[in-house]
Amino acid sequence: VHGAMAGYSGITCGKIYEQYVYLPIHAITQQRGKRVNPQGRWFSRMKEATGQPDFKPDQESEPTSPAPGGSTINV
C-alpha cells in the first residue's frame, strides 16, 4: 500500500535478508521458478512449521492370508 500511495506501479513487496523491499514485477516474472523436492528436508521443515497435514494417500493393507480353519485374517 505504501508503494502505491507513493506513486509506484509495477512493483510488489518482498522480504530479502530480513528487510522489506520493493521488487519490480518484471524482474520477478523473468526469473526461472524454483522447484522444491516434496520428499526433501526443506519441504518437511515447511510442513512442520506450518502444521500442515501429510497428504500422502492411505497405504493399502497387505493381502489377506487364510487362517487355520478356512477363515481369512486382514493384517
N, C-alpha and C. Protein backbone atom coordinates (compact mmCIF):
# COMPACT_ATOMS: atom_id res chain seq x y z
N VAL A 1 0.83 -1.19 0.00
CA VAL A 1 0.00 0.00 0.00
C VAL A 1 0.88 1.25 0.00
N HIS A 2 1.95 1.23 0.77
CA HIS A 2 2.78 2.42 0.86
C HIS A 2 3.43 2.75 -0.48
N GLY A 3 3.83 1.71 -1.23
CA GLY A 3 4.42 1.94 -2.55
C GLY A 3 3.41 2.56 -3.50
N ALA A 4 2.18 2.07 -3.47
CA ALA A 4 1.14 2.62 -4.34
C ALA A 4 0.81 4.06 -3.95
N MET A 5 0.77 4.34 -2.67
CA MET A 5 0.49 5.71 -2.22
C MET A 5 1.63 6.66 -2.58
N ALA A 6 2.84 6.12 -2.70
CA ALA A 6 3.98 6.94 -3.08
C ALA A 6 4.06 7.13 -4.60
N GLY A 7 3.15 6.49 -5.34
CA GLY A 7 3.11 6.68 -6.79
C GLY A 7 3.81 5.60 -7.58
N TYR A 8 4.30 4.56 -6.91
CA TYR A 8 4.96 3.46 -7.62
C TYR A 8 3.93 2.54 -8.24
N SER A 9 4.26 2.01 -9.42
CA SER A 9 3.41 0.99 -10.04
C SER A 9 4.33 -0.07 -10.61
N GLY A 10 3.81 -1.25 -10.85
CA GLY A 10 4.61 -2.34 -11.38
C GLY A 10 5.58 -2.92 -10.37
N ILE A 11 5.23 -2.84 -9.09
CA ILE A 11 6.10 -3.37 -8.04
C ILE A 11 5.31 -4.27 -7.12
N THR A 12 6.01 -5.04 -6.35
CA THR A 12 5.43 -5.81 -5.27
C THR A 12 6.40 -5.75 -4.10
N CYS A 13 5.94 -6.14 -2.94
CA CYS A 13 6.79 -6.11 -1.75
C CYS A 13 7.33 -7.50 -1.49
N GLY A 14 8.53 -7.57 -0.99
CA GLY A 14 9.15 -8.84 -0.63
C GLY A 14 10.10 -8.66 0.52
N LYS A 15 10.46 -9.76 1.14
CA LYS A 15 11.39 -9.72 2.27
C LYS A 15 12.68 -10.39 1.84
N ILE A 16 13.77 -9.63 1.85
CA ILE A 16 15.08 -10.14 1.47
C ILE A 16 16.04 -9.82 2.61
N TYR A 17 16.67 -10.86 3.15
CA TYR A 17 17.62 -10.71 4.25
C TYR A 17 17.02 -9.87 5.39
N GLU A 18 15.80 -10.24 5.79
CA GLU A 18 15.10 -9.60 6.91
C GLU A 18 14.75 -8.14 6.67
N GLN A 19 14.79 -7.67 5.43
CA GLN A 19 14.40 -6.30 5.09
C GLN A 19 13.26 -6.36 4.07
N TYR A 20 12.24 -5.55 4.27
CA TYR A 20 11.16 -5.46 3.29
C TYR A 20 11.58 -4.49 2.20
N VAL A 21 11.42 -4.92 0.95
CA VAL A 21 11.87 -4.13 -0.19
C VAL A 21 10.79 -4.12 -1.26
N TYR A 22 10.86 -3.14 -2.16
CA TYR A 22 10.01 -3.12 -3.35
C TYR A 22 10.75 -3.85 -4.46
N LEU A 23 10.04 -4.76 -5.12
CA LEU A 23 10.63 -5.53 -6.20
C LEU A 23 9.86 -5.27 -7.49
N PRO A 24 10.55 -4.99 -8.59
CA PRO A 24 9.85 -4.80 -9.86
C PRO A 24 9.23 -6.11 -10.34
N ILE A 25 7.97 -6.08 -10.71
CA ILE A 25 7.27 -7.29 -11.12
C ILE A 25 7.93 -7.92 -12.35
N HIS A 26 8.41 -7.11 -13.30
CA HIS A 26 9.02 -7.68 -14.50
C HIS A 26 10.29 -8.46 -14.14
N ALA A 27 11.02 -8.05 -13.13
CA ALA A 27 12.23 -8.78 -12.72
C ALA A 27 11.87 -10.11 -12.07
N ILE A 28 10.76 -10.16 -11.37
CA ILE A 28 10.33 -11.40 -10.71
C ILE A 28 9.80 -12.39 -11.73
N THR A 29 9.00 -11.93 -12.68
CA THR A 29 8.38 -12.85 -13.63
C THR A 29 9.37 -13.37 -14.66
N GLN A 30 10.51 -12.73 -14.83
CA GLN A 30 11.51 -13.22 -15.78
C GLN A 30 12.42 -14.28 -15.17
N GLN A 31 12.38 -14.44 -13.86
CA GLN A 31 13.21 -15.43 -13.18
C GLN A 31 12.64 -16.82 -13.37
N ARG A 32 13.53 -17.80 -13.46
CA ARG A 32 13.10 -19.18 -13.54
C ARG A 32 12.57 -19.60 -12.17
N GLY A 33 11.46 -20.29 -12.14
CA GLY A 33 10.86 -20.71 -10.89
C GLY A 33 11.70 -21.76 -10.17
N LYS A 34 11.66 -21.72 -8.85
CA LYS A 34 12.38 -22.71 -8.06
C LYS A 34 11.50 -23.95 -7.90
N ARG A 35 12.15 -25.08 -7.79
CA ARG A 35 11.43 -26.33 -7.56
C ARG A 35 11.83 -26.87 -6.21
N VAL A 36 10.86 -27.42 -5.52
CA VAL A 36 11.08 -27.97 -4.19
C VAL A 36 10.81 -29.46 -4.25
N ASN A 37 11.73 -30.23 -3.70
CA ASN A 37 11.57 -31.68 -3.63
C ASN A 37 10.59 -32.00 -2.50
N PRO A 38 9.42 -32.57 -2.82
CA PRO A 38 8.44 -32.85 -1.76
C PRO A 38 8.88 -33.93 -0.78
N GLN A 39 9.93 -34.69 -1.11
CA GLN A 39 10.48 -35.66 -0.16
C GLN A 39 11.71 -35.11 0.55
N GLY A 40 12.06 -33.86 0.29
CA GLY A 40 13.28 -33.29 0.83
C GLY A 40 13.14 -32.66 2.21
N ARG A 41 14.27 -32.24 2.73
CA ARG A 41 14.35 -31.67 4.07
C ARG A 41 13.63 -30.33 4.18
N TRP A 42 13.81 -29.47 3.17
CA TRP A 42 13.20 -28.14 3.20
C TRP A 42 11.67 -28.24 3.26
N PHE A 43 11.10 -29.11 2.44
CA PHE A 43 9.66 -29.28 2.41
C PHE A 43 9.15 -29.84 3.73
N SER A 44 9.88 -30.79 4.31
CA SER A 44 9.48 -31.37 5.60
C SER A 44 9.48 -30.31 6.69
N ARG A 45 10.49 -29.46 6.70
CA ARG A 45 10.54 -28.38 7.69
C ARG A 45 9.39 -27.39 7.51
N MET A 46 9.06 -27.09 6.26
CA MET A 46 7.96 -26.16 5.99
C MET A 46 6.64 -26.75 6.49
N LYS A 47 6.41 -28.04 6.22
CA LYS A 47 5.17 -28.68 6.67
C LYS A 47 5.09 -28.68 8.19
N GLU A 48 6.21 -28.96 8.85
CA GLU A 48 6.22 -28.99 10.32
C GLU A 48 5.98 -27.60 10.90
N ALA A 49 6.60 -26.58 10.31
CA ALA A 49 6.47 -25.22 10.83
C ALA A 49 5.07 -24.66 10.64
N THR A 50 4.40 -25.04 9.54
CA THR A 50 3.07 -24.51 9.27
C THR A 50 1.95 -25.41 9.78
N GLY A 51 2.32 -26.60 10.29
CA GLY A 51 1.31 -27.50 10.84
C GLY A 51 0.43 -28.15 9.79
N GLN A 52 0.95 -28.31 8.58
CA GLN A 52 0.16 -28.92 7.51
C GLN A 52 0.11 -30.43 7.68
N PRO A 53 -1.03 -31.03 7.35
CA PRO A 53 -1.12 -32.49 7.46
C PRO A 53 -0.35 -33.16 6.33
N ASP A 54 -0.13 -34.45 6.50
CA ASP A 54 0.51 -35.24 5.46
C ASP A 54 -0.55 -35.63 4.44
N PHE A 55 -0.36 -35.27 3.19
CA PHE A 55 -1.36 -35.51 2.16
C PHE A 55 -1.10 -36.79 1.36
N LYS A 56 -0.26 -37.68 1.89
CA LYS A 56 0.01 -38.94 1.20
C LYS A 56 -1.25 -39.79 1.23
N PRO A 57 -1.48 -40.55 0.15
CA PRO A 57 -2.66 -41.43 0.17
C PRO A 57 -2.48 -42.55 1.18
N ASP A 58 -3.60 -43.06 1.66
CA ASP A 58 -3.55 -44.18 2.60
C ASP A 58 -2.91 -45.38 1.93
N GLN A 59 -2.09 -46.10 2.68
CA GLN A 59 -1.48 -47.30 2.14
C GLN A 59 -2.48 -48.44 2.19
N GLU A 60 -2.44 -49.26 1.14
CA GLU A 60 -3.34 -50.40 1.11
C GLU A 60 -2.85 -51.43 2.12
N SER A 61 -3.79 -52.15 2.72
CA SER A 61 -3.39 -53.19 3.66
C SER A 61 -2.81 -54.35 2.88
N GLU A 62 -2.05 -55.16 3.58
CA GLU A 62 -1.43 -56.31 2.95
C GLU A 62 -2.51 -57.30 2.55
N PRO A 63 -2.22 -58.16 1.58
CA PRO A 63 -3.23 -59.14 1.16
C PRO A 63 -3.62 -60.06 2.31
N THR A 64 -4.82 -60.56 2.23
CA THR A 64 -5.30 -61.44 3.28
C THR A 64 -4.67 -62.82 3.12
N SER A 65 -4.52 -63.50 4.23
CA SER A 65 -3.97 -64.85 4.20
C SER A 65 -4.96 -65.77 4.89
N PRO A 66 -5.07 -66.97 4.39
CA PRO A 66 -6.02 -67.89 5.03
C PRO A 66 -5.54 -68.30 6.41
N ALA A 67 -6.47 -68.32 7.35
CA ALA A 67 -6.15 -68.72 8.72
C ALA A 67 -6.49 -70.19 8.89
N PRO A 68 -5.93 -70.80 9.89
CA PRO A 68 -6.33 -72.20 10.14
C PRO A 68 -7.83 -72.27 10.39
N GLY A 69 -8.47 -73.15 9.72
CA GLY A 69 -9.92 -73.29 9.87
C GLY A 69 -10.67 -72.69 8.68
N GLY A 70 -9.97 -72.09 7.70
CA GLY A 70 -10.61 -71.63 6.49
C GLY A 70 -11.03 -70.18 6.46
N SER A 71 -11.02 -69.44 7.58
CA SER A 71 -11.41 -68.02 7.55
C SER A 71 -10.19 -67.18 7.17
N THR A 72 -10.40 -65.94 6.82
CA THR A 72 -9.30 -65.05 6.44
C THR A 72 -9.09 -64.01 7.52
N ILE A 73 -7.85 -63.54 7.61
CA ILE A 73 -7.47 -62.51 8.58
C ILE A 73 -6.85 -61.35 7.83
N ASN A 74 -7.31 -60.13 8.07
CA ASN A 74 -6.69 -58.94 7.49
C ASN A 74 -5.52 -58.55 8.37
N VAL A 75 -4.39 -58.33 7.75
CA VAL A 75 -3.18 -57.97 8.51
C VAL A 75 -3.03 -56.48 8.53
